Amino acid sequence: MLDIQIDKVSKTWRTDDQREVVALDNVSFGVPSGGFCCIVGPSGSGKSTLFDVIAGLVPTDSGQVVVGGKAVDGPGAERGVVFQGQSLFPWRTVQGNVEFGLQAQGRPRAERREIAKSFIDLVGLAGFEDARPSTLSGGMYQRVAVARSLATSPDVLLMDEPFGALDAQSRESMQSELIRIWRAQGTTILFITHSVQEAVFLADRIVVMSARPGRVVANIDVALPRERDRTSAEFGQVMREVYTHLTSNAPSDIGIGGH
């Protein structure tokens, strides 16, 4: 697996009326190989811009992102991506969606079918290979998105609020499922969320960002044992630590609960 190093990254956008908006200002932090890092921050903190920079979808203005010792200068097969919302191809079945990246790599048909089936099984969707995305629940849909990203064996998995649209029960189920998959695969994960509770449940490390311009205001290691008890005093203590940084640097749109 590969580590991620974000080194003094800045990014400014220009609006339609030619105003400059600083999305990221001198952002630096690291994610160790095989680690699970969550980024939390209010709307306008540059989380999604940072996600796009790490994914190689947009360039930095200054600074760089290094994955496994190699500077990011565009999308790469070593980085799998899971977005929030509708990212599956509606005309493809579950099997076809999970095979997509393997097909793009030129893998033989029999090989990609076998690999895709193993990841469909991994995310708990055996028996749904022929289903279309429109027939799936929100949680099942996101499981397919995770399986599709993992099927190409990326060293790094980037996830931009992938469970944000799910109901509370489905969201908690998917969080536990993701931890199970992460522990089985050992993939380095960088996960963006608005939810403090979600970050504390998932992460080994939480990076807290300020409101615009996006800056790192805290880098918190989470030493809680797994499986984590959301009702424990220790869990609540870490939540309060994260929330303290957020409330002193952000408007009031951060969810301390599950959403």
Protein backbone atom coordinates (compact mmCIF):
# COMPACT_ATOMS: atom_id res chain seq x y z
CA MET A 1 0.00 0.00 0.00
CA LEU A 2 1.06 3.61 -0.54
CA ASP A 3 1.22 6.63 1.75
CA ILE A 4 -0.13 10.10 0.91
CA GLN A 5 1.74 13.34 1.55
CA ILE A 6 0.05 16.71 1.04
CA ASP A 7 2.76 19.38 1.01
CA LYS A 8 1.84 23.10 1.19
CA VAL A 9 -1.04 22.81 -1.26
CA SER A 10 -2.88 25.99 -2.25
CA LYS A 11 -5.69 26.43 -4.76
CA THR A 12 -7.62 29.54 -5.84
CA TRP A 13 -10.75 29.51 -8.02
CA ARG A 14 -11.97 32.37 -10.18
CA THR A 15 -15.73 32.98 -10.15
CA ASP A 16 -17.86 33.92 -13.16
CA ASP A 17 -17.59 37.57 -12.17
CA GLN A 18 -13.78 37.23 -11.97
CA ARG A 19 -13.53 37.29 -8.19
CA GLU A 20 -10.81 35.10 -6.71
CA VAL A 21 -11.84 32.59 -4.04
CA VAL A 22 -9.08 30.87 -2.07
CA ALA A 23 -10.22 27.28 -1.54
CA LEU A 24 -7.01 25.87 -0.02
CA ASP A 25 -4.25 27.78 1.73
CA ASN A 26 -0.93 26.06 2.43
CA VAL A 27 -2.46 22.69 3.38
CA SER A 28 -0.04 20.02 4.64
CA PHE A 29 -0.59 16.63 6.29
CA GLY A 30 0.18 12.97 5.72
CA VAL A 31 -1.63 9.63 5.66
CA PRO A 32 0.56 6.59 6.42
CA SER A 33 0.48 3.50 4.25
CA GLY A 34 -2.57 1.41 5.18
CA GLY A 35 -3.98 4.22 7.33
CA PHE A 36 -7.54 5.51 7.49
CA CYS A 37 -7.74 9.31 7.52
CA CYS A 38 -10.94 11.37 7.72
CA ILE A 39 -11.10 15.04 6.77
CA VAL A 40 -13.79 17.12 8.47
CA GLY A 41 -14.68 20.75 8.00
CA PRO A 42 -17.57 23.10 7.26
CA SER A 43 -18.96 23.89 3.83
CA GLY A 44 -16.43 26.08 2.07
CA SER A 45 -13.42 24.59 3.82
CA GLY A 46 -12.04 23.21 0.55
CA LYS A 47 -12.58 19.52 1.37
CA SER A 48 -13.92 18.62 -2.08
CA THR A 49 -11.27 20.75 -3.80
CA LEU A 50 -8.60 18.90 -1.83
CA PHE A 51 -10.23 15.60 -2.82
CA ASP A 52 -10.11 16.58 -6.50
CA VAL A 53 -6.45 17.62 -6.16
CA ILE A 54 -5.46 14.29 -4.56
CA ALA A 55 -7.48 12.39 -7.18
CA GLY A 56 -5.56 14.29 -9.87
CA LEU A 57 -8.71 15.89 -11.29
CA VAL A 58 -7.53 19.49 -10.79
CA PRO A 59 -3.99 20.92 -10.50
CA THR A 60 -2.64 22.83 -7.53
CA ASP A 61 -1.60 26.45 -7.77
CA SER A 62 1.33 25.68 -5.49
CA GLY A 63 2.55 22.76 -3.41
CA GLN A 64 2.13 19.13 -4.37
CA VAL A 65 0.51 15.83 -3.51
CA VAL A 66 2.79 12.80 -3.39
CA VAL A 67 1.40 9.24 -3.35
CA GLY A 68 3.88 6.48 -2.70
CA GLY A 69 6.80 8.79 -3.42
CA LYS A 70 5.40 9.92 -6.79
CA ALA A 71 4.00 13.41 -7.38
CA VAL A 72 0.37 13.43 -8.54
CA ASP A 73 -0.05 15.07 -11.95
CA GLY A 74 -3.34 13.50 -13.02
CA PRO A 75 -5.62 10.53 -12.32
CA GLY A 76 -3.86 7.24 -11.66
CA ALA A 77 -4.75 3.58 -11.33
CA GLU A 78 -3.19 3.50 -7.86
CA ARG A 79 -6.00 5.79 -6.63
CA GLY A 80 -9.58 4.52 -6.54
CA VAL A 81 -12.35 7.10 -6.17
CA VAL A 82 -15.83 6.86 -4.60
CA PHE A 83 -18.07 9.91 -4.94
CA GLN A 84 -21.25 10.86 -3.12
CA GLY A 85 -24.43 10.33 -5.09
CA GLN A 86 -25.10 8.78 -8.48
CA SER A 87 -21.81 7.52 -9.90
CA LEU A 88 -22.75 4.11 -11.32
CA PHE A 89 -23.60 3.56 -14.98
CA PRO A 90 -27.39 3.04 -14.99
CA TRP A 91 -27.30 0.93 -18.17
CA ARG A 92 -24.85 -1.57 -16.67
CA THR A 93 -25.66 -4.31 -14.19
CA VAL A 94 -23.91 -4.58 -10.83
CA GLN A 95 -21.48 -7.04 -12.45
CA GLY A 96 -20.95 -4.71 -15.40
CA ASN A 97 -20.29 -1.69 -13.20
CA VAL A 98 -17.73 -3.52 -11.08
CA GLU A 99 -16.04 -4.84 -14.21
CA PHE A 100 -15.78 -1.38 -15.78
CA GLY A 101 -12.30 -0.42 -14.54
CA LEU A 102 -10.96 -3.89 -15.30
CA GLN A 103 -12.36 -3.65 -18.83
CA ALA A 104 -10.66 -0.27 -19.26
CA GLN A 105 -7.40 -1.95 -18.22
CA GLY A 106 -7.84 -4.50 -21.01
CA ARG A 107 -8.28 -7.50 -18.72
CA PRO A 108 -9.62 -10.64 -20.42
CA ARG A 109 -13.36 -11.22 -20.04
CA ALA A 110 -13.08 -14.34 -17.89
CA GLU A 111 -10.53 -12.72 -15.58
CA ARG A 112 -12.52 -9.55 -15.02
CA ARG A 113 -15.71 -11.52 -14.36
CA GLU A 114 -13.93 -13.57 -11.71
CA ILE A 115 -12.34 -10.52 -10.06
CA ALA A 116 -15.58 -8.55 -10.11
CA LYS A 117 -17.49 -11.45 -8.60
CA SER A 118 -15.00 -11.69 -5.73
CA PHE A 119 -15.48 -7.99 -4.87
CA ILE A 120 -19.25 -8.22 -5.19
CA ASP A 121 -19.05 -11.04 -2.66
CA LEU A 122 -16.70 -8.96 -0.48
CA VAL A 123 -19.22 -6.12 -0.16
CA GLY A 124 -22.06 -8.53 0.61
CA LEU A 125 -23.96 -8.38 -2.68
CA ALA A 126 -23.71 -11.97 -3.87
CA GLY A 127 -26.85 -12.76 -5.86
CA PHE A 128 -27.27 -9.19 -7.13
CA GLU A 129 -24.82 -9.44 -10.03
CA ASP A 130 -27.56 -8.94 -12.66
CA ALA A 131 -29.40 -6.13 -10.86
CA ARG A 132 -29.51 -2.61 -12.32
CA PRO A 133 -28.50 0.37 -10.15
CA SER A 134 -32.05 1.77 -10.24
CA THR A 135 -33.32 -1.29 -8.36
CA LEU A 136 -30.83 -1.01 -5.47
CA SER A 137 -31.26 0.65 -2.10
CA GLY A 138 -28.94 3.55 -1.25
CA GLY A 139 -26.68 1.36 0.85
CA MET A 140 -26.48 -1.35 -1.81
CA TYR A 141 -25.73 1.29 -4.45
CA GLN A 142 -22.77 2.58 -2.47
CA ARG A 143 -21.52 -0.97 -1.86
CA VAL A 144 -21.34 -1.40 -5.65
CA ALA A 145 -19.44 1.89 -5.94
CA VAL A 146 -16.93 0.67 -3.34
CA ALA A 147 -16.58 -2.72 -5.08
CA ARG A 148 -16.00 -1.01 -8.44
CA SER A 149 -13.24 1.14 -6.97
CA LEU A 150 -11.56 -1.78 -5.19
CA ALA A 151 -11.73 -4.17 -8.14
CA THR A 152 -8.74 -2.58 -9.88
CA SER A 153 -6.68 -3.11 -6.70
CA PRO A 154 -5.85 0.55 -5.97
CA ASP A 155 -3.32 1.25 -3.25
CA VAL A 156 -5.30 4.31 -2.15
CA LEU A 157 -9.08 4.73 -1.90
CA LEU A 158 -10.43 8.31 -1.94
CA MET A 159 -14.02 8.76 -0.69
CA ASP A 160 -15.92 12.05 -0.86
CA GLU A 161 -18.86 11.88 1.58
CA PRO A 162 -19.98 8.56 0.09
CA PHE A 163 -22.62 7.87 2.77
CA GLY A 164 -23.99 11.39 3.11
CA ALA A 165 -27.28 10.66 1.35
CA LEU A 166 -28.07 7.49 3.34
CA ASP A 167 -30.49 7.21 6.25
CA ALA A 168 -28.92 6.85 9.70
CA GLN A 169 -29.26 3.06 9.93
CA SER A 170 -27.88 2.43 6.44
CA ARG A 171 -25.05 4.88 7.08
CA GLU A 172 -23.93 3.13 10.25
CA SER A 173 -24.17 -0.23 8.50
CA MET A 174 -21.99 1.02 5.63
CA GLN A 175 -19.46 2.49 8.06
CA SER A 176 -19.04 -0.92 9.73
CA GLU A 177 -18.88 -2.61 6.33
CA LEU A 178 -16.18 -0.22 5.17
CA ILE A 179 -14.07 -0.91 8.25
CA ARG A 180 -14.41 -4.66 7.59
CA ILE A 181 -13.31 -4.23 3.97
CA TRP A 182 -10.45 -1.89 4.91
CA ARG A 183 -9.12 -4.36 7.48
CA ALA A 184 -9.39 -7.20 4.94
CA GLN A 185 -7.72 -5.26 2.10
CA GLY A 186 -5.27 -2.97 3.93
CA THR A 187 -5.96 -0.13 1.48
CA THR A 188 -4.93 3.41 2.45
CA ILE A 189 -8.19 5.37 2.77
CA LEU A 190 -8.80 9.13 2.75
CA PHE A 191 -12.45 9.85 3.59
CA ILE A 192 -14.19 13.25 3.55
CA THR A 193 -17.19 13.83 5.83
CA HIS A 194 -19.25 16.54 7.52
CA SER A 195 -20.02 14.22 10.44
CA VAL A 196 -17.81 14.25 13.52
CA GLN A 197 -19.31 10.97 14.72
CA GLU A 198 -18.58 9.29 11.39
CA ALA A 199 -14.99 10.52 11.46
CA VAL A 200 -14.37 9.28 15.01
CA PHE A 201 -15.94 5.90 14.22
CA LEU A 202 -13.86 5.36 11.08
CA ALA A 203 -10.52 7.08 11.35
CA ASP A 204 -7.08 6.42 12.72
CA ARG A 205 -6.38 10.10 12.06
CA ILE A 206 -8.71 13.09 11.70
CA VAL A 207 -7.66 16.23 9.86
CA VAL A 208 -9.79 19.24 10.83
CA MET A 209 -10.06 22.07 8.30
CA SER A 210 -11.18 25.66 8.80
CA ALA A 211 -13.80 27.59 6.89
CA ARG A 212 -12.64 29.35 3.73
CA PRO A 213 -9.84 29.63 3.07
CA GLY A 214 -9.32 25.96 3.86
CA ARG A 215 -6.45 25.41 6.27
CA VAL A 216 -5.53 22.51 8.56
CA VAL A 217 -6.34 23.55 12.12
CA ALA A 218 -5.86 20.18 13.86
CA ASN A 219 -4.41 16.76 13.14
CA ILE A 220 -5.80 14.27 15.66
CA ASP A 221 -4.71 10.66 16.10
CA VAL A 222 -7.61 8.42 17.20
CA ALA A 223 -6.38 5.64 19.48
CA LEU A 224 -9.78 4.07 20.23
CA PRO A 225 -9.98 0.27 19.90
CA ARG A 226 -12.04 -1.39 17.19
CA GLU A 227 -14.94 -2.15 17.07
CA ARG A 228 -15.73 1.30 18.40
CA ASP A 229 -18.60 1.98 20.77
CA ARG A 230 -20.35 5.20 19.78
CA THR A 231 -21.91 5.46 23.26
CA SER A 232 -18.68 5.16 25.25
CA ALA A 233 -17.19 8.03 27.24
CA GLU A 234 -13.92 7.69 25.33
CA PHE A 235 -15.71 8.02 21.99
CA GLY A 236 -17.51 11.12 23.25
CA GLN A 237 -14.26 12.62 24.45
CA VAL A 238 -12.67 12.38 21.00
CA MET A 239 -15.82 13.85 19.44
CA ARG A 240 -15.61 16.81 21.81
CA GLU A 241 -11.94 17.34 20.93
CA VAL A 242 -12.74 17.44 17.21
CA TYR A 243 -15.82 19.59 17.71
CA THR A 244 -13.86 22.09 19.81
CA HIS A 245 -11.56 22.74 16.85
CA LEU A 246 -14.52 23.01 14.49
CA THR A 247 -16.55 25.42 16.58
CA SER A 248 -13.59 27.75 17.02
CA ASN A 249 -12.88 27.78 13.28
CA ALA A 250 -16.17 27.16 11.47
CA PRO A 251 -19.83 28.20 11.12
CA SER A 252 -22.51 26.02 12.67
CA ASP A 253 -23.22 23.58 9.81
CA ILE A 254 -21.13 20.70 11.18
CA GLY A 255 -23.02 17.67 12.44
CA ILE A 256 -21.81 16.37 15.76
CA GLY A 257 -24.17 13.44 15.37
CA GLY A 258 -24.53 10.87 12.63
CA HIS A 259 -25.38 13.28 9.79
